[in-house]
Amino acid sequence: FLAAVAAGSSVLTMLFWLFGFLRMGTIGVTARAWGAGDTSRC
């Protein structure tokens, strides 16, 4: 059971990490827009 979740959680964690750019890209672009005072862009 531990081996199954070790493998399964690794698979899903890595798969979801693949789309971690959604968080990282959103932070960077939002932070720069916020610094420039552009709330509409945020």
PDB file of all heavy atoms in Angstrom:
ATOM      1  N   PHE A   1       0.835  -1.205   0.000  1.00  0.00           N
ATOM      2  CA  PHE A   1       0.000   0.000   0.000  1.00  0.00           C
ATOM      3  C   PHE A   1       0.869   1.254   0.000  1.00  0.00           C
ATOM      4  O   PHE A   1       0.592   2.228  -0.690  1.00  0.00           O
ATOM      5  CB  PHE A   1      -0.942   0.001   1.210  1.00  0.00           C
ATOM      6  CG  PHE A   1      -1.936  -1.121   1.192  1.00  0.00           C
ATOM      7  CD1 PHE A   1      -1.955  -2.066   2.205  1.00  0.00           C
ATOM      8  CD2 PHE A   1      -2.852  -1.238   0.169  1.00  0.00           C
ATOM      9  CE1 PHE A   1      -2.871  -3.107   2.202  1.00  0.00           C
ATOM     10  CE2 PHE A   1      -3.783  -2.275   0.145  1.00  0.00           C
ATOM     11  CZ  PHE A   1      -3.786  -3.219   1.168  1.00  0.00           C
ATOM     12  N   LEU A   2       1.952   1.222   0.802  1.00  0.00           N
ATOM     13  CA  LEU A   2       2.896   2.340   0.825  1.00  0.00           C
ATOM     14  C   LEU A   2       3.575   2.469  -0.535  1.00  0.00           C
ATOM     15  O   LEU A   2       3.722   3.579  -1.063  1.00  0.00           O
ATOM     16  CB  LEU A   2       3.941   2.127   1.923  1.00  0.00           C
ATOM     17  CG  LEU A   2       5.069   3.165   1.997  1.00  0.00           C
ATOM     18  CD1 LEU A   2       4.509   4.564   2.182  1.00  0.00           C
ATOM     19  CD2 LEU A   2       6.034   2.819   3.130  1.00  0.00           C
ATOM     20  N   ALA A   3       3.980   1.346  -1.124  1.00  0.00           N
ATOM     21  CA  ALA A   3       4.640   1.377  -2.435  1.00  0.00           C
ATOM     22  C   ALA A   3       3.690   1.924  -3.502  1.00  0.00           C
ATOM     23  O   ALA A   3       4.098   2.696  -4.375  1.00  0.00           O
ATOM     24  CB  ALA A   3       5.111  -0.026  -2.818  1.00  0.00           C
ATOM     25  N   ALA A   4       2.408   1.530  -3.423  1.00  0.00           N
ATOM     26  CA  ALA A   4       1.427   1.987  -4.411  1.00  0.00           C
ATOM     27  C   ALA A   4       1.240   3.494  -4.347  1.00  0.00           C
ATOM     28  O   ALA A   4       1.215   4.182  -5.378  1.00  0.00           O
ATOM     29  CB  ALA A   4       0.088   1.281  -4.184  1.00  0.00           C
ATOM     30  N   VAL A   5       1.106   4.034  -3.133  1.00  0.00           N
ATOM     31  CA  VAL A   5       0.915   5.478  -2.988  1.00  0.00           C
ATOM     32  C   VAL A   5       2.219   6.216  -3.278  1.00  0.00           C
ATOM     33  O   VAL A   5       2.205   7.327  -3.816  1.00  0.00           O
ATOM     34  CB  VAL A   5       0.359   5.819  -1.591  1.00  0.00           C
ATOM     35  CG1 VAL A   5       0.315   7.323  -1.378  1.00  0.00           C
ATOM     36  CG2 VAL A   5      -1.044   5.240  -1.444  1.00  0.00           C
ATOM     37  N   ALA A   6       3.365   5.605  -2.938  1.00  0.00           N
ATOM     38  CA  ALA A   6       4.654   6.216  -3.273  1.00  0.00           C
ATOM     39  C   ALA A   6       4.765   6.412  -4.781  1.00  0.00           C
ATOM     40  O   ALA A   6       5.133   7.490  -5.265  1.00  0.00           O
ATOM     41  CB  ALA A   6       5.803   5.344  -2.764  1.00  0.00           C
ATOM     42  N   ALA A   7       4.420   5.372  -5.533  1.00  0.00           N
ATOM     43  CA  ALA A   7       4.474   5.469  -6.994  1.00  0.00           C
ATOM     44  C   ALA A   7       3.356   6.364  -7.529  1.00  0.00           C
ATOM     45  O   ALA A   7       3.588   7.243  -8.358  1.00  0.00           O
ATOM     46  CB  ALA A   7       4.374   4.078  -7.614  1.00  0.00           C
ATOM     47  N   GLY A   8       2.129   6.151  -7.032  1.00  0.00           N
ATOM     48  CA  GLY A   8       0.993   6.914  -7.527  1.00  0.00           C
ATOM     49  C   GLY A   8       1.076   8.396  -7.232  1.00  0.00           C
ATOM     50  O   GLY A   8       0.811   9.231  -8.099  1.00  0.00           O
ATOM     51  N   SER A   9       1.443   8.738  -6.014  1.00  0.00           N
ATOM     52  CA  SER A   9       1.555  10.151  -5.668  1.00  0.00           C
ATOM     53  C   SER A   9       2.693  10.810  -6.433  1.00  0.00           C
ATOM     54  O   SER A   9       2.597  11.983  -6.814  1.00  0.00           O
ATOM     55  CB  SER A   9       1.752  10.331  -4.159  1.00  0.00           C
ATOM     56  OG  SER A   9       2.944   9.727  -3.733  1.00  0.00           O
ATOM     57  N   SER A  10       3.767  10.052  -6.694  1.00  0.00           N
ATOM     58  CA  SER A  10       4.863  10.590  -7.502  1.00  0.00           C
ATOM     59  C   SER A  10       4.369  10.892  -8.918  1.00  0.00           C
ATOM     60  O   SER A  10       4.659  11.946  -9.481  1.00  0.00           O
ATOM     61  CB  SER A  10       6.026   9.597  -7.560  1.00  0.00           C
ATOM     62  OG  SER A  10       6.614   9.439  -6.291  1.00  0.00           O
ATOM     63  N   VAL A  11       3.601   9.969  -9.478  1.00  0.00           N
ATOM     64  CA  VAL A  11       3.052  10.163 -10.825  1.00  0.00           C
ATOM     65  C   VAL A  11       2.178  11.409 -10.879  1.00  0.00           C
ATOM     66  O   VAL A  11       2.357  12.282 -11.735  1.00  0.00           O
ATOM     67  CB  VAL A  11       2.236   8.930 -11.266  1.00  0.00           C
ATOM     68  CG1 VAL A  11       1.429   9.237 -12.532  1.00  0.00           C
ATOM     69  CG2 VAL A  11       3.151   7.746 -11.504  1.00  0.00           C
ATOM     70  N   LEU A  12       1.221  11.520  -9.952  1.00  0.00           N
ATOM     71  CA  LEU A  12       0.287  12.644  -9.973  1.00  0.00           C
ATOM     72  C   LEU A  12       0.955  13.955  -9.585  1.00  0.00           C
ATOM     73  O   LEU A  12       0.665  15.012 -10.159  1.00  0.00           O
ATOM     74  CB  LEU A  12      -0.905  12.362  -9.059  1.00  0.00           C
ATOM     75  CG  LEU A  12      -2.108  11.655  -9.697  1.00  0.00           C
ATOM     76  CD1 LEU A  12      -2.671  12.483 -10.839  1.00  0.00           C
ATOM     77  CD2 LEU A  12      -1.752  10.270 -10.187  1.00  0.00           C
ATOM     78  N   THR A  13       1.867  13.890  -8.606  1.00  0.00           N
ATOM     79  CA  THR A  13       2.576  15.106  -8.213  1.00  0.00           C
ATOM     80  C   THR A  13       3.392  15.637  -9.379  1.00  0.00           C
ATOM     81  O   THR A  13       3.378  16.834  -9.675  1.00  0.00           O
ATOM     82  CB  THR A  13       3.506  14.835  -7.010  1.00  0.00           C
ATOM     83  OG1 THR A  13       2.711  14.431  -5.893  1.00  0.00           O
ATOM     84  CG2 THR A  13       4.282  16.081  -6.630  1.00  0.00           C
ATOM     85  N   MET A  14       4.112  14.746 -10.059  1.00  0.00           N
ATOM     86  CA  MET A  14       4.913  15.166 -11.197  1.00  0.00           C
ATOM     87  C   MET A  14       4.029  15.665 -12.352  1.00  0.00           C
ATOM     88  O   MET A  14       4.363  16.627 -13.025  1.00  0.00           O
ATOM     89  CB  MET A  14       5.797  14.025 -11.681  1.00  0.00           C
ATOM     90  CG  MET A  14       6.822  13.542 -10.681  1.00  0.00           C
ATOM     91  SD  MET A  14       7.780  14.899  -9.981  1.00  0.00           S
ATOM     92  CE  MET A  14       7.736  14.444  -8.262  1.00  0.00           C
ATOM     93  N   LEU A  15       2.909  14.981 -12.567  1.00  0.00           N
ATOM     94  CA  LEU A  15       2.005  15.394 -13.645  1.00  0.00           C
ATOM     95  C   LEU A  15       1.443  16.783 -13.363  1.00  0.00           C
ATOM     96  O   LEU A  15       1.418  17.648 -14.253  1.00  0.00           O
ATOM     97  CB  LEU A  15       0.869  14.376 -13.780  1.00  0.00           C
ATOM     98  CG  LEU A  15      -0.087  14.581 -14.949  1.00  0.00           C
ATOM     99  CD1 LEU A  15       0.653  14.527 -16.276  1.00  0.00           C
ATOM    100  CD2 LEU A  15      -1.193  13.527 -14.918  1.00  0.00           C
ATOM    101  N   PHE A  16       1.013  17.022 -12.120  1.00  0.00           N
ATOM    102  CA  PHE A  16       0.489  18.338 -11.776  1.00  0.00           C
ATOM    103  C   PHE A  16       1.599  19.386 -11.730  1.00  0.00           C
ATOM    104  O   PHE A  16       1.375  20.552 -12.064  1.00  0.00           O
ATOM    105  CB  PHE A  16      -0.257  18.286 -10.438  1.00  0.00           C
ATOM    106  CG  PHE A  16      -1.561  17.513 -10.499  1.00  0.00           C
ATOM    107  CD1 PHE A  16      -2.028  16.819  -9.397  1.00  0.00           C
ATOM    108  CD2 PHE A  16      -2.314  17.494 -11.660  1.00  0.00           C
ATOM    109  CE1 PHE A  16      -3.221  16.107  -9.448  1.00  0.00           C
ATOM    110  CE2 PHE A  16      -3.515  16.790 -11.733  1.00  0.00           C
ATOM    111  CZ  PHE A  16      -3.965  16.090 -10.614  1.00  0.00           C
ATOM    112  N   TRP A  17       2.794  18.976 -11.318  1.00  0.00           N
ATOM    113  CA  TRP A  17       3.930  19.897 -11.352  1.00  0.00           C
ATOM    114  C   TRP A  17       4.205  20.373 -12.774  1.00  0.00           C
ATOM    115  O   TRP A  17       4.674  21.486 -12.991  1.00  0.00           O
ATOM    116  CB  TRP A  17       5.178  19.202 -10.806  1.00  0.00           C
ATOM    117  CG  TRP A  17       5.402  19.395  -9.340  1.00  0.00           C
ATOM    118  CD1 TRP A  17       4.549  19.942  -8.427  1.00  0.00           C
ATOM    119  CD2 TRP A  17       6.581  19.022  -8.601  1.00  0.00           C
ATOM    120  NE1 TRP A  17       5.111  19.911  -7.166  1.00  0.00           N
ATOM    121  CE2 TRP A  17       6.348  19.365  -7.259  1.00  0.00           C
ATOM    122  CE3 TRP A  17       7.781  18.418  -8.955  1.00  0.00           C
ATOM    123  CZ2 TRP A  17       7.293  19.133  -6.260  1.00  0.00           C
ATOM    124  CZ3 TRP A  17       8.725  18.192  -7.975  1.00  0.00           C
ATOM    125  CH2 TRP A  17       8.485  18.550  -6.636  1.00  0.00           C
ATOM    126  N   LEU A  18       3.944  19.509 -13.732  1.00  0.00           N
ATOM    127  CA  LEU A  18       4.158  19.872 -15.129  1.00  0.00           C
ATOM    128  C   LEU A  18       3.385  21.139 -15.484  1.00  0.00           C
ATOM    129  O   LEU A  18       3.789  21.910 -16.354  1.00  0.00           O
ATOM    130  CB  LEU A  18       3.716  18.709 -16.025  1.00  0.00           C
ATOM    131  CG  LEU A  18       4.058  18.776 -17.509  1.00  0.00           C
ATOM    132  CD1 LEU A  18       5.563  18.832 -17.723  1.00  0.00           C
ATOM    133  CD2 LEU A  18       3.476  17.572 -18.239  1.00  0.00           C
ATOM    134  N   PHE A  19       2.279  21.337 -14.790  1.00  0.00           N
ATOM    135  CA  PHE A  19       1.450  22.519 -15.033  1.00  0.00           C
ATOM    136  C   PHE A  19       1.636  23.572 -13.937  1.00  0.00           C
ATOM    137  O   PHE A  19       0.812  24.470 -13.781  1.00  0.00           O
ATOM    138  CB  PHE A  19      -0.016  22.099 -15.147  1.00  0.00           C
ATOM    139  CG  PHE A  19      -0.262  21.128 -16.262  1.00  0.00           C
ATOM    140  CD1 PHE A  19      -0.329  19.765 -16.013  1.00  0.00           C
ATOM    141  CD2 PHE A  19      -0.382  21.568 -17.573  1.00  0.00           C
ATOM    142  CE1 PHE A  19      -0.531  18.858 -17.040  1.00  0.00           C
ATOM    143  CE2 PHE A  19      -0.581  20.671 -18.608  1.00  0.00           C
ATOM    144  CZ  PHE A  19      -0.651  19.310 -18.344  1.00  0.00           C
ATOM    145  N   GLY A  20       2.725  23.445 -13.199  1.00  0.00           N
ATOM    146  CA  GLY A  20       3.039  24.432 -12.164  1.00  0.00           C
ATOM    147  C   GLY A  20       3.310  25.803 -12.729  1.00  0.00           C
ATOM    148  O   GLY A  20       3.299  26.799 -12.002  1.00  0.00           O
ATOM    149  N   PHE A  21       3.542  25.873 -14.061  1.00  0.00           N
ATOM    150  CA  PHE A  21       3.735  27.179 -14.689  1.00  0.00           C
ATOM    151  C   PHE A  21       2.502  28.064 -14.514  1.00  0.00           C
ATOM    152  O   PHE A  21       2.592  29.296 -14.570  1.00  0.00           O
ATOM    153  CB  PHE A  21       4.061  27.020 -16.176  1.00  0.00           C
ATOM    154  CG  PHE A  21       2.973  26.390 -17.012  1.00  0.00           C
ATOM    155  CD1 PHE A  21       1.907  27.151 -17.481  1.00  0.00           C
ATOM    156  CD2 PHE A  21       3.024  25.044 -17.325  1.00  0.00           C
ATOM    157  CE1 PHE A  21       0.905  26.570 -18.249  1.00  0.00           C
ATOM    158  CE2 PHE A  21       2.033  24.453 -18.097  1.00  0.00           C
ATOM    159  CZ  PHE A  21       0.970  25.218 -18.560  1.00  0.00           C
ATOM    160  N   LEU A  22       1.337  27.432 -14.312  1.00  0.00           N
ATOM    161  CA  LEU A  22       0.126  28.226 -14.103  1.00  0.00           C
ATOM    162  C   LEU A  22       0.240  29.090 -12.851  1.00  0.00           C
ATOM    163  O   LEU A  22      -0.213  30.237 -12.821  1.00  0.00           O
ATOM    164  CB  LEU A  22      -1.090  27.305 -14.001  1.00  0.00           C
ATOM    165  CG  LEU A  22      -1.477  26.573 -15.287  1.00  0.00           C
ATOM    166  CD1 LEU A  22      -2.478  25.472 -14.995  1.00  0.00           C
ATOM    167  CD2 LEU A  22      -2.039  27.553 -16.311  1.00  0.00           C
ATOM    168  N   ARG A  23       0.848  28.535 -11.805  1.00  0.00           N
ATOM    169  CA  ARG A  23       1.074  29.308 -10.586  1.00  0.00           C
ATOM    170  C   ARG A  23       2.238  30.270 -10.758  1.00  0.00           C
ATOM    171  O   ARG A  23       2.128  31.457 -10.487  1.00  0.00           O
ATOM    172  CB  ARG A  23       1.366  28.376  -9.410  1.00  0.00           C
ATOM    173  CG  ARG A  23       1.610  29.122  -8.090  1.00  0.00           C
ATOM    174  CD  ARG A  23       2.150  28.202  -7.015  1.00  0.00           C
ATOM    175  NE  ARG A  23       3.457  27.659  -7.354  1.00  0.00           N
ATOM    176  CZ  ARG A  23       4.599  28.324  -7.220  1.00  0.00           C
ATOM    177  NH1 ARG A  23       4.608  29.572  -6.773  1.00  0.00           N
ATOM    178  NH2 ARG A  23       5.748  27.757  -7.533  1.00  0.00           N
ATOM    179  N   MET A  24       3.370  29.753 -11.260  1.00  0.00           N
ATOM    180  CA  MET A  24       4.587  30.563 -11.352  1.00  0.00           C
ATOM    181  C   MET A  24       4.432  31.714 -12.339  1.00  0.00           C
ATOM    182  O   MET A  24       4.816  32.853 -12.056  1.00  0.00           O
ATOM    183  CB  MET A  24       5.770  29.679 -11.742  1.00  0.00           C
ATOM    184  CG  MET A  24       6.145  28.655 -10.679  1.00  0.00           C
ATOM    185  SD  MET A  24       7.597  27.667 -11.110  1.00  0.00           S
ATOM    186  CE  MET A  24       6.902  26.565 -12.361  1.00  0.00           C
ATOM    187  N   GLY A  25       3.868  31.408 -13.514  1.00  0.00           N
ATOM    188  CA  GLY A  25       3.669  32.461 -14.501  1.00  0.00           C
ATOM    189  C   GLY A  25       2.699  33.515 -14.022  1.00  0.00           C
ATOM    190  O   GLY A  25       2.890  34.717 -14.253  1.00  0.00           O
ATOM    191  N   THR A  26       1.654  33.071 -13.324  1.00  0.00           N
ATOM    192  CA  THR A  26       0.658  34.013 -12.809  1.00  0.00           C
ATOM    193  C   THR A  26       1.260  34.931 -11.749  1.00  0.00           C
ATOM    194  O   THR A  26       0.982  36.138 -11.736  1.00  0.00           O
ATOM    195  CB  THR A  26      -0.541  33.249 -12.217  1.00  0.00           C
ATOM    196  OG1 THR A  26      -1.104  32.403 -13.226  1.00  0.00           O
ATOM    197  CG2 THR A  26      -1.613  34.212 -11.727  1.00  0.00           C
ATOM    198  N   ILE A  27       2.107  34.379 -10.878  1.00  0.00           N
ATOM    199  CA  ILE A  27       2.752  35.211  -9.853  1.00  0.00           C
ATOM    200  C   ILE A  27       3.586  36.302 -10.496  1.00  0.00           C
ATOM    201  O   ILE A  27       3.453  37.488 -10.180  1.00  0.00           O
ATOM    202  CB  ILE A  27       3.662  34.358  -8.945  1.00  0.00           C
ATOM    203  CG1 ILE A  27       2.857  33.481  -8.017  1.00  0.00           C
ATOM    204  CG2 ILE A  27       4.564  35.269  -8.094  1.00  0.00           C
ATOM    205  CD1 ILE A  27       3.712  32.568  -7.152  1.00  0.00           C
ATOM    206  N   GLY A  28       4.486  35.907 -11.409  1.00  0.00           N
ATOM    207  CA  GLY A  28       5.413  36.871 -11.991  1.00  0.00           C
ATOM    208  C   GLY A  28       4.716  37.986 -12.743  1.00  0.00           C
ATOM    209  O   GLY A  28       5.004  39.175 -12.527  1.00  0.00           O
ATOM    210  N   VAL A  29       3.788  37.623 -13.626  1.00  0.00           N
ATOM    211  CA  VAL A  29       3.108  38.633 -14.438  1.00  0.00           C
ATOM    212  C   VAL A  29       2.233  39.522 -13.556  1.00  0.00           C
ATOM    213  O   VAL A  29       2.198  40.755 -13.714  1.00  0.00           O
ATOM    214  CB  VAL A  29       2.266  37.971 -15.545  1.00  0.00           C
ATOM    215  CG1 VAL A  29       1.516  39.030 -16.352  1.00  0.00           C
ATOM    216  CG2 VAL A  29       3.164  37.152 -16.476  1.00  0.00           C
ATOM    217  N   THR A  30       1.540  38.929 -12.591  1.00  0.00           N
ATOM    218  CA  THR A  30       0.687  39.708 -11.688  1.00  0.00           C
ATOM    219  C   THR A  30       1.519  40.654 -10.825  1.00  0.00           C
ATOM    220  O   THR A  30       1.152  41.829 -10.644  1.00  0.00           O
ATOM    221  CB  THR A  30      -0.127  38.777 -10.769  1.00  0.00           C
ATOM    222  OG1 THR A  30      -0.923  37.899 -11.565  1.00  0.00           O
ATOM    223  CG2 THR A  30      -1.031  39.576  -9.842  1.00  0.00           C
ATOM    224  N   ALA A  31       2.643  40.168 -10.276  1.00  0.00           N
ATOM    225  CA  ALA A  31       3.481  41.005  -9.411  1.00  0.00           C
ATOM    226  C   ALA A  31       4.030  42.208 -10.162  1.00  0.00           C
ATOM    227  O   ALA A  31       4.066  43.328  -9.628  1.00  0.00           O
ATOM    228  CB  ALA A  31       4.628  40.179  -8.823  1.00  0.00           C
ATOM    229  N   ARG A  32       4.460  42.004 -11.406  1.00  0.00           N
ATOM    230  CA  ARG A  32       4.996  43.131 -12.188  1.00  0.00           C
ATOM    231  C   ARG A  32       3.888  44.126 -12.533  1.00  0.00           C
ATOM    232  O   ARG A  32       4.103  45.344 -12.511  1.00  0.00           O
ATOM    233  CB  ARG A  32       5.702  42.609 -13.442  1.00  0.00           C
ATOM    234  CG  ARG A  32       6.983  41.838 -13.125  1.00  0.00           C
ATOM    235  CD  ARG A  32       7.816  41.553 -14.357  1.00  0.00           C
ATOM    236  NE  ARG A  32       7.179  40.656 -15.307  1.00  0.00           N
ATOM    237  CZ  ARG A  32       7.182  39.340 -15.219  1.00  0.00           C
ATOM    238  NH1 ARG A  32       7.773  38.741 -14.204  1.00  0.00           N
ATOM    239  NH2 ARG A  32       6.588  38.596 -16.146  1.00  0.00           N
ATOM    240  N   ALA A  33       2.685  43.624 -12.851  1.00  0.00           N
ATOM    241  CA  ALA A  33       1.558  44.527 -13.127  1.00  0.00           C
ATOM    242  C   ALA A  33       1.161  45.291 -11.871  1.00  0.00           C
ATOM    243  O   ALA A  33       0.859  46.492 -11.918  1.00  0.00           O
ATOM    244  CB  ALA A  33       0.369  43.725 -13.661  1.00  0.00           C
ATOM    245  N   TRP A  34       1.170  44.613 -10.725  1.00  0.00           N
ATOM    246  CA  TRP A  34       0.839  45.249  -9.448  1.00  0.00           C
ATOM    247  C   TRP A  34       1.862  46.331  -9.116  1.00  0.00           C
ATOM    248  O   TRP A  34       1.507  47.416  -8.649  1.00  0.00           O
ATOM    249  CB  TRP A  34       0.793  44.185  -8.363  1.00  0.00           C
ATOM    250  CG  TRP A  34       0.360  44.635  -7.000  1.00  0.00           C
ATOM    251  CD1 TRP A  34       1.104  44.624  -5.861  1.00  0.00           C
ATOM    252  CD2 TRP A  34      -0.926  45.140  -6.617  1.00  0.00           C
ATOM    253  NE1 TRP A  34       0.374  45.078  -4.788  1.00  0.00           N
ATOM    254  CE2 TRP A  34      -0.883  45.411  -5.224  1.00  0.00           C
ATOM    255  CE3 TRP A  34      -2.106  45.384  -7.322  1.00  0.00           C
ATOM    256  CZ2 TRP A  34      -1.968  45.918  -4.526  1.00  0.00           C
ATOM    257  CZ3 TRP A  34      -3.201  45.900  -6.615  1.00  0.00           C
ATOM    258  CH2 TRP A  34      -3.124  46.156  -5.239  1.00  0.00           C
ATOM    259  N   GLY A  35       3.150  46.050  -9.366  1.00  0.00           N
ATOM    260  CA  GLY A  35       4.194  47.044  -9.125  1.00  0.00           C
ATOM    261  C   GLY A  35       4.039  48.262 -10.022  1.00  0.00           C
ATOM    262  O   GLY A  35       4.354  49.386  -9.618  1.00  0.00           O
ATOM    263  N   ALA A  36       3.544  48.028 -11.241  1.00  0.00           N
ATOM    264  CA  ALA A  36       3.331  49.139 -12.181  1.00  0.00           C
ATOM    265  C   ALA A  36       2.002  49.852 -11.941  1.00  0.00           C
ATOM    266  O   ALA A  36       1.683  50.830 -12.631  1.00  0.00           O
ATOM    267  CB  ALA A  36       3.381  48.613 -13.615  1.00  0.00           C
ATOM    268  N   GLY A  37       1.203  49.371 -10.970  1.00  0.00           N
ATOM    269  CA  GLY A  37      -0.073  50.005 -10.650  1.00  0.00           C
ATOM    270  C   GLY A  37      -1.190  49.699 -11.628  1.00  0.00           C
ATOM    271  O   GLY A  37      -2.197  50.417 -11.686  1.00  0.00           O
ATOM    272  N   ASP A  38      -1.074  48.621 -12.400  1.00  0.00           N
ATOM    273  CA  ASP A  38      -2.063  48.265 -13.416  1.00  0.00           C
ATOM    274  C   ASP A  38      -3.000  47.184 -12.877  1.00  0.00           C
ATOM    275  O   ASP A  38      -2.819  45.989 -13.136  1.00  0.00           O
ATOM    276  CB  ASP A  38      -1.334  47.792 -14.677  1.00  0.00           C
ATOM    277  CG  ASP A  38      -2.267  47.609 -15.870  1.00  0.00           C
ATOM    278  OD1 ASP A  38      -3.499  47.664 -15.677  1.00  0.00           O
ATOM    279  OD2 ASP A  38      -1.759  47.399 -16.986  1.00  0.00           O
ATOM    280  N   THR A  39      -4.037  47.580 -12.133  1.00  0.00           N
ATOM    281  CA  THR A  39      -4.953  46.600 -11.537  1.00  0.00           C
ATOM    282  C   THR A  39      -5.797  45.885 -12.591  1.00  0.00           C
ATOM    283  O   THR A  39      -6.179  44.728 -12.411  1.00  0.00           O
ATOM    284  CB  THR A  39      -5.891  47.267 -10.514  1.00  0.00           C
ATOM    285  OG1 THR A  39      -6.597  48.338 -11.155  1.00  0.00           O
ATOM    286  CG2 THR A  39      -5.098  47.826  -9.342  1.00  0.00           C
ATOM    287  N   SER A  40      -6.086  46.558 -13.697  1.00  0.00           N
ATOM    288  CA  SER A  40      -6.844  45.921 -14.765  1.00  0.00           C
ATOM    289  C   SER A  40      -6.081  44.723 -15.323  1.00  0.00           C
ATOM    290  O   SER A  40      -6.663  43.661 -15.585  1.00  0.00           O
ATOM    291  CB  SER A  40      -7.129  46.927 -15.880  1.00  0.00           C
ATOM    292  OG  SER A  40      -7.824  46.313 -16.951  1.00  0.00           O
ATOM    293  N   ARG A  41      -4.783  44.899 -15.508  1.00  0.00           N
ATOM    294  CA  ARG A  41      -3.962  43.796 -16.009  1.00  0.00           C
ATOM    295  C   ARG A  41      -3.893  42.663 -14.984  1.00  0.00           C
ATOM    296  O   ARG A  41      -3.896  41.482 -15.354  1.00  0.00           O
ATOM    297  CB  ARG A  41      -2.550  44.310 -16.323  1.00  0.00           C
ATOM    298  CG  ARG A  41      -1.567  43.238 -16.780  1.00  0.00           C
ATOM    299  CD  ARG A  41      -2.040  42.544 -18.041  1.00  0.00           C
ATOM    300  NE  ARG A  41      -1.075  41.532 -18.487  1.00  0.00           N
ATOM    301  CZ  ARG A  41      -1.396  40.439 -19.167  1.00  0.00           C
ATOM    302  NH1 ARG A  41      -2.666  40.197 -19.478  1.00  0.00           N
ATOM    303  NH2 ARG A  41      -0.478  39.589 -19.544  1.00  0.00           N
ATOM    304  N   CYS A  42      -3.857  43.013 -13.713  1.00  0.00           N
ATOM    305  CA  CYS A  42      -3.840  41.983 -12.667  1.00  0.00           C
ATOM    306  C   CYS A  42      -5.059  41.071 -12.766  1.00  0.00           C
ATOM    307  O   CYS A  42      -4.940  39.843 -12.720  1.00  0.00           O
ATOM    308  CB  CYS A  42      -3.797  42.634 -11.277  1.00  0.00           C
ATOM    309  SG  CYS A  42      -2.258  43.480 -10.873  1.00  0.00           S
TER     310      CYS A  42
END
